[in-house]
C-alpha atoms as a PDB file:
ATOM      1  CA  UNK A   1       0.000   0.000   0.000  1.00  0.00           C
ATOM      2  CA  UNK A   2       1.492   3.348  -0.969  1.00  0.00           C
ATOM      3  CA  UNK A   3       1.620   6.362   1.357  1.00  0.00           C
ATOM      4  CA  UNK A   4      -1.460   8.022  -0.135  1.00  0.00           C
ATOM      5  CA  UNK A   5      -3.559   4.879   0.308  1.00  0.00           C
ATOM      6  CA  UNK A   6      -2.290   4.446   3.872  1.00  0.00           C
ATOM      7  CA  UNK A   7      -3.265   8.031   4.726  1.00  0.00           C
ATOM      8  CA  UNK A   8      -6.754   7.524   3.301  1.00  0.00           C
ATOM      9  CA  UNK A   9      -7.239   4.269   5.221  1.00  0.00           C
ATOM     10  CA  UNK A  10      -5.998   5.976   8.404  1.00  0.00           C
ATOM     11  CA  UNK A  11      -8.550   8.753   7.865  1.00  0.00           C
ATOM     12  CA  UNK A  12     -11.221   6.126   7.284  1.00  0.00           C
ATOM     13  CA  UNK A  13     -10.342   4.605  10.665  1.00  0.00           C
ATOM     14  CA  UNK A  14     -10.506   8.009  12.329  1.00  0.00           C
ATOM     15  CA  UNK A  15     -14.326   7.854  12.276  1.00  0.00           C
ATOM     16  CA  UNK A  16     -14.145   5.378  15.160  1.00  0.00           C
ATOM     17  CA  UNK A  17     -12.300   8.004  17.258  1.00  0.00           C
ATOM     18  CA  UNK A  18     -14.805  10.649  16.188  1.00  0.00           C
ATOM     19  CA  UNK A  19     -17.695   8.465  17.327  1.00  0.00           C
ATOM     20  CA  UNK A  20     -16.032   7.986  20.717  1.00  0.00           C
ATOM     21  CA  UNK A  21     -15.610  11.760  21.059  1.00  0.00           C
ATOM     22  CA  UNK A  22     -19.202  12.354  19.936  1.00  0.00           C
ATOM     23  CA  UNK A  23     -20.456   9.877  22.502  1.00  0.00           C
ATOM     24  CA  UNK A  24     -19.056  12.047  25.291  1.00  0.00           C
ATOM     25  CA  UNK A  25     -20.800  15.166  23.961  1.00  0.00           C
ATOM     26  CA  UNK A  26     -24.057  13.498  23.006  1.00  0.00           C
ATOM     27  CA  UNK A  27     -24.612  11.952  26.432  1.00  0.00           C
ATOM     28  CA  UNK A  28     -25.723  15.383  27.651  1.00  0.00           C
ATOM     29  CA  UNK A  29     -28.032  16.086  24.706  1.00  0.00           C
ATOM     30  CA  UNK A  30     -31.746  15.354  25.196  1.00  0.00           C
ATOM     31  CA  UNK A  31     -33.125  12.812  22.706  1.00  0.00           C
ATOM     32  CA  UNK A  32     -35.652  15.408  21.511  1.00  0.00           C
ATOM     33  CA  UNK A  33     -32.796  17.658  20.342  1.00  0.00           C
ATOM     34  CA  UNK A  34     -31.099  14.734  18.606  1.00  0.00           C
ATOM     35  CA  UNK A  35     -34.300  14.079  16.652  1.00  0.00           C
ATOM     36  CA  UNK A  36     -35.294  17.699  16.007  1.00  0.00           C
ATOM     37  CA  UNK A  37     -34.999  19.163  12.531  1.00  0.00           C
ATOM     38  CA  UNK A  38     -33.985  22.823  12.344  1.00  0.00           C
ATOM     39  CA  UNK A  39     -35.765  23.370   9.047  1.00  0.00           C
ATOM     40  CA  UNK A  40     -38.345  21.148   7.431  1.00  0.00           C
ATOM     41  CA  UNK A  41     -36.646  18.840   4.975  1.00  0.00           C
ATOM     42  CA  UNK A  42     -33.266  19.039   6.736  1.00  0.00           C
ATOM     43  CA  UNK A  43     -32.091  15.917   8.579  1.00  0.00           C
ATOM     44  CA  UNK A  44     -31.806  15.759  12.351  1.00  0.00           C
ATOM     45  CA  UNK A  45     -28.484  15.031  14.075  1.00  0.00           C
ATOM     46  CA  UNK A  46     -29.626  11.475  14.583  1.00  0.00           C
ATOM     47  CA  UNK A  47     -30.548  11.095  10.900  1.00  0.00           C
ATOM     48  CA  UNK A  48     -27.171  12.495   9.856  1.00  0.00           C
ATOM     49  CA  UNK A  49     -25.352   9.964  12.005  1.00  0.00           C
ATOM     50  CA  UNK A  50     -27.643   7.164  10.829  1.00  0.00           C
ATOM     51  CA  UNK A  51     -26.684   8.036   7.250  1.00  0.00           C
ATOM     52  CA  UNK A  52     -23.036   7.145   7.907  1.00  0.00           C
ATOM     53  CA  UNK A  53     -23.981   3.775   9.417  1.00  0.00           C
ATOM     54  CA  UNK A  54     -26.388   3.070   6.542  1.00  0.00           C
ATOM     55  CA  UNK A  55     -23.838   4.054   3.872  1.00  0.00           C
ATOM     56  CA  UNK A  56     -21.205   1.787   5.399  1.00  0.00           C
ATOM     57  CA  UNK A  57     -23.663  -1.114   5.686  1.00  0.00           C
ATOM     58  CA  UNK A  58     -25.587  -0.767   2.418  1.00  0.00           C
ATOM     59  CA  UNK A  59     -23.090   0.762  -0.037  1.00  0.00           C
ATOM     60  CA  UNK A  60     -19.478   1.002   1.052  1.00  0.00           C
ATOM     61  CA  UNK A  61     -18.908  -2.486   2.479  1.00  0.00           C
ATOM     62  CA  UNK A  62     -20.675  -4.233  -0.450  1.00  0.00           C
ATOM     63  CA  UNK A  63     -18.571  -2.256  -2.968  1.00  0.00           C
ATOM     64  CA  UNK A  64     -15.336  -3.446  -1.361  1.00  0.00           C
ATOM     65  CA  UNK A  65     -16.636  -6.990  -0.754  1.00  0.00           C
ATOM     66  CA  UNK A  66     -17.268  -7.279  -4.485  1.00  0.00           C
ATOM     67  CA  UNK A  67     -13.476  -7.141  -4.978  1.00  0.00           C
ATOM     68  CA  UNK A  68     -13.028 -10.111  -2.695  1.00  0.00           C
ATOM     69  CA  UNK A  69     -15.903 -12.218  -3.985  1.00  0.00           C
ATOM     70  CA  UNK A  70     -16.932 -12.580  -0.348  1.00  0.00           C
ATOM     71  CA  UNK A  71     -20.068 -14.638  -0.100  1.00  0.00           C
ATOM     72  CA  UNK A  72     -20.174 -15.308   3.626  1.00  0.00           C
ATOM     73  CA  UNK A  73     -20.400 -12.379   5.959  1.00  0.00           C
ATOM     74  CA  UNK A  74     -22.183 -11.310   9.070  1.00  0.00           C
ATOM     75  CA  UNK A  75     -25.083  -8.986   8.400  1.00  0.00           C
ATOM     76  CA  UNK A  76     -24.675  -5.629  10.134  1.00  0.00           C
ATOM     77  CA  UNK A  77     -27.616  -4.481  12.196  1.00  0.00           C
ATOM     78  CA  UNK A  78     -29.974  -1.821  10.916  1.00  0.00           C
ATOM     79  CA  UNK A  79     -30.279   1.170  13.223  1.00  0.00           C
ATOM     80  CA  UNK A  80     -33.697   2.613  12.403  1.00  0.00           C
ATOM     81  CA  UNK A  81     -35.455   3.791  15.559  1.00  0.00           C
ATOM     82  CA  UNK A  82     -32.419   2.898  17.656  1.00  0.00           C
ATOM     83  CA  UNK A  83     -31.316   4.947  20.617  1.00  0.00           C
ATOM     84  CA  UNK A  84     -28.248   7.133  20.337  1.00  0.00           C
ATOM     85  CA  UNK A  85     -25.944   4.645  22.088  1.00  0.00           C
ATOM     86  CA  UNK A  86     -27.039   1.863  19.729  1.00  0.00           C
ATOM     87  CA  UNK A  87     -26.586   4.178  16.756  1.00  0.00           C
ATOM     88  CA  UNK A  88     -23.028   5.071  17.758  1.00  0.00           C
ATOM     89  CA  UNK A  89     -22.246   1.386  18.345  1.00  0.00           C
ATOM     90  CA  UNK A  90     -23.595   0.582  14.858  1.00  0.00           C
ATOM     91  CA  UNK A  91     -21.383   3.314  13.382  1.00  0.00           C
ATOM     92  CA  UNK A  92     -18.291   1.834  15.073  1.00  0.00           C
ATOM     93  CA  UNK A  93     -19.255  -1.703  14.029  1.00  0.00           C
ATOM     94  CA  UNK A  94     -19.864  -0.695  10.414  1.00  0.00           C
ATOM     95  CA  UNK A  95     -16.624   1.202  10.121  1.00  0.00           C
ATOM     96  CA  UNK A  96     -14.669  -1.624  11.749  1.00  0.00           C
ATOM     97  CA  UNK A  97     -16.141  -4.028   9.209  1.00  0.00           C
ATOM     98  CA  UNK A  98     -15.328  -1.692   6.328  1.00  0.00           C
ATOM     99  CA  UNK A  99     -11.730  -1.447   7.547  1.00  0.00           C
ATOM    100  CA  UNK A 100     -11.540  -5.233   7.903  1.00  0.00           C
ATOM    101  CA  UNK A 101     -12.730  -5.749   4.335  1.00  0.00           C
ATOM    102  CA  UNK A 102     -10.390  -3.045   2.983  1.00  0.00           C
ATOM    103  CA  UNK A 103      -7.531  -4.743   4.852  1.00  0.00           C
ATOM    104  CA  UNK A 104      -8.212  -7.969   2.958  1.00  0.00           C
ATOM    105  CA  UNK A 105      -7.974  -6.321  -0.455  1.00  0.00           C
ATOM    106  CA  UNK A 106      -4.204  -6.510  -0.619  1.00  0.00           C
ATOM    107  CA  UNK A 107      -2.979  -3.686  -2.834  1.00  0.00           C
ATOM    108  CA  UNK A 108      -5.463  -0.916  -2.035  1.00  0.00           C
ATOM    109  CA  UNK A 109      -3.482   1.421  -4.298  1.00  0.00           C
ATOM    110  CA  UNK A 110      -4.022  -0.706  -7.407  1.00  0.00           C
ATOM    111  CA  UNK A 111      -7.531  -2.049  -6.760  1.00  0.00           C
ATOM    112  CA  UNK A 112     -10.491  -0.717  -8.722  1.00  0.00           C
ATOM    113  CA  UNK A 113     -14.172  -0.804  -7.750  1.00  0.00           C
ATOM    114  CA  UNK A 114     -17.463  -0.291  -9.540  1.00  0.00           C
ATOM    115  CA  UNK A 115     -19.442   2.644  -8.159  1.00  0.00           C
ATOM    116  CA  UNK A 116     -22.609   3.920  -9.809  1.00  0.00           C
ATOM    117  CA  UNK A 117     -21.741   2.153 -13.057  1.00  0.00           C
ATOM    118  CA  UNK A 118     -18.243   3.643 -13.160  1.00  0.00           C
ATOM    119  CA  UNK A 119     -14.952   1.927 -12.397  1.00  0.00           C
ATOM    120  CA  UNK A 120     -12.719   3.988 -10.116  1.00  0.00           C
ATOM    121  CA  UNK A 121      -9.638   3.410  -8.002  1.00  0.00           C
ATOM    122  CA  UNK A 122     -10.460   1.977  -4.577  1.00  0.00           C
ATOM    123  CA  UNK A 123      -8.338   4.674  -2.949  1.00  0.00           C
ATOM    124  CA  UNK A 124     -10.453   7.347  -4.706  1.00  0.00           C
ATOM    125  CA  UNK A 125     -13.644   5.659  -3.499  1.00  0.00           C
ATOM    126  CA  UNK A 126     -12.308   5.567   0.064  1.00  0.00           C
ATOM    127  CA  UNK A 127     -11.267   9.215  -0.200  1.00  0.00           C
ATOM    128  CA  UNK A 128     -14.869  10.057  -1.169  1.00  0.00           C
ATOM    129  CA  UNK A 129     -16.049   8.156   1.897  1.00  0.00           C
ATOM    130  CA  UNK A 130     -13.723  10.195   4.122  1.00  0.00           C
ATOM    131  CA  UNK A 131     -14.941  13.459   2.551  1.00  0.00           C
ATOM    132  CA  UNK A 132     -18.621  12.480   2.885  1.00  0.00           C
ATOM    133  CA  UNK A 133     -18.111  11.474   6.526  1.00  0.00           C
ATOM    134  CA  UNK A 134     -16.353  14.754   7.287  1.00  0.00           C
ATOM    135  CA  UNK A 135     -19.250  16.697   5.768  1.00  0.00           C
ATOM    136  CA  UNK A 136     -21.873  14.731   7.691  1.00  0.00           C
ATOM    137  CA  UNK A 137     -19.984  15.061  10.981  1.00  0.00           C
ATOM    138  CA  UNK A 138     -19.512  18.810  10.418  1.00  0.00           C
ATOM    139  CA  UNK A 139     -23.245  19.226   9.775  1.00  0.00           C
ATOM    140  CA  UNK A 140     -24.098  17.157  12.872  1.00  0.00           C
ATOM    141  CA  UNK A 141     -21.755  19.263  15.027  1.00  0.00           C
ATOM    142  CA  UNK A 142     -23.280  22.474  13.689  1.00  0.00           C
ATOM    143  CA  UNK A 143     -26.775  21.143  14.439  1.00  0.00           C
ATOM    144  CA  UNK A 144     -25.784  20.221  17.977  1.00  0.00           C
ATOM    145  CA  UNK A 145     -24.208  23.615  18.519  1.00  0.00           C
ATOM    146  CA  UNK A 146     -27.311  25.414  17.221  1.00  0.00           C
ATOM    147  CA  UNK A 147     -29.693  23.263  19.247  1.00  0.00           C
ATOM    148  CA  UNK A 148     -28.033  23.459  22.660  1.00  0.00           C
ATOM    149  CA  UNK A 149     -29.107  26.253  24.990  1.00  0.00           C
ATOM    150  CA  UNK A 150     -26.575  28.912  25.909  1.00  0.00           C
ATOM    151  CA  UNK A 151     -24.525  27.993  28.930  1.00  0.00           C
ATOM    152  CA  UNK A 152     -24.648  24.230  28.328  1.00  0.00           C
ATOM    153  CA  UNK A 153     -21.248  22.642  28.964  1.00  0.00           C
ATOM    154  CA  UNK A 154     -19.202  22.699  25.774  1.00  0.00           C
ATOM    155  CA  UNK A 155     -21.795  24.723  23.871  1.00  0.00           C
ATOM    156  CA  UNK A 156     -21.051  28.371  24.568  1.00  0.00           C
ATOM    157  CA  UNK A 157     -21.552  30.722  21.632  1.00  0.00           C
ATOM    158  CA  UNK A 158     -19.046  33.354  20.777  1.00  0.00           C
ATOM    159  CA  UNK A 159     -20.275  36.391  19.012  1.00  0.00           C
END
């Protein structure tokens, strides 16, 4: 694996650390705020986080498994209507599985995958995953910041 591929895989793994950090912050957030939508049609914090777990489970892992011709695998749990702790656990589990499957590919730098009818380098696909995750996590953090009342620990607003 070349340096670029290693950096992308390391960033992919970083989501697990992000989830652990989020867990600390989210423990103090009422469930109603996690499920609230700031504007109709915009996803809640919980829906944003669910999207990462769903993408790993339904899209990302199957794309990489196709390289390996894996036929046997443990089905990852769906997280619809799950509590926040279960959702975060599902995110960690999904990302761990994605990393496991990527680790079995061999030469991540040379591998190619089919995505939306197009063949692209696996490392480019994984880079997209990292970018999408970063965007979703940024949006979730902004939502949390906007939703928390002034004076809540870790949520002061600077003007």
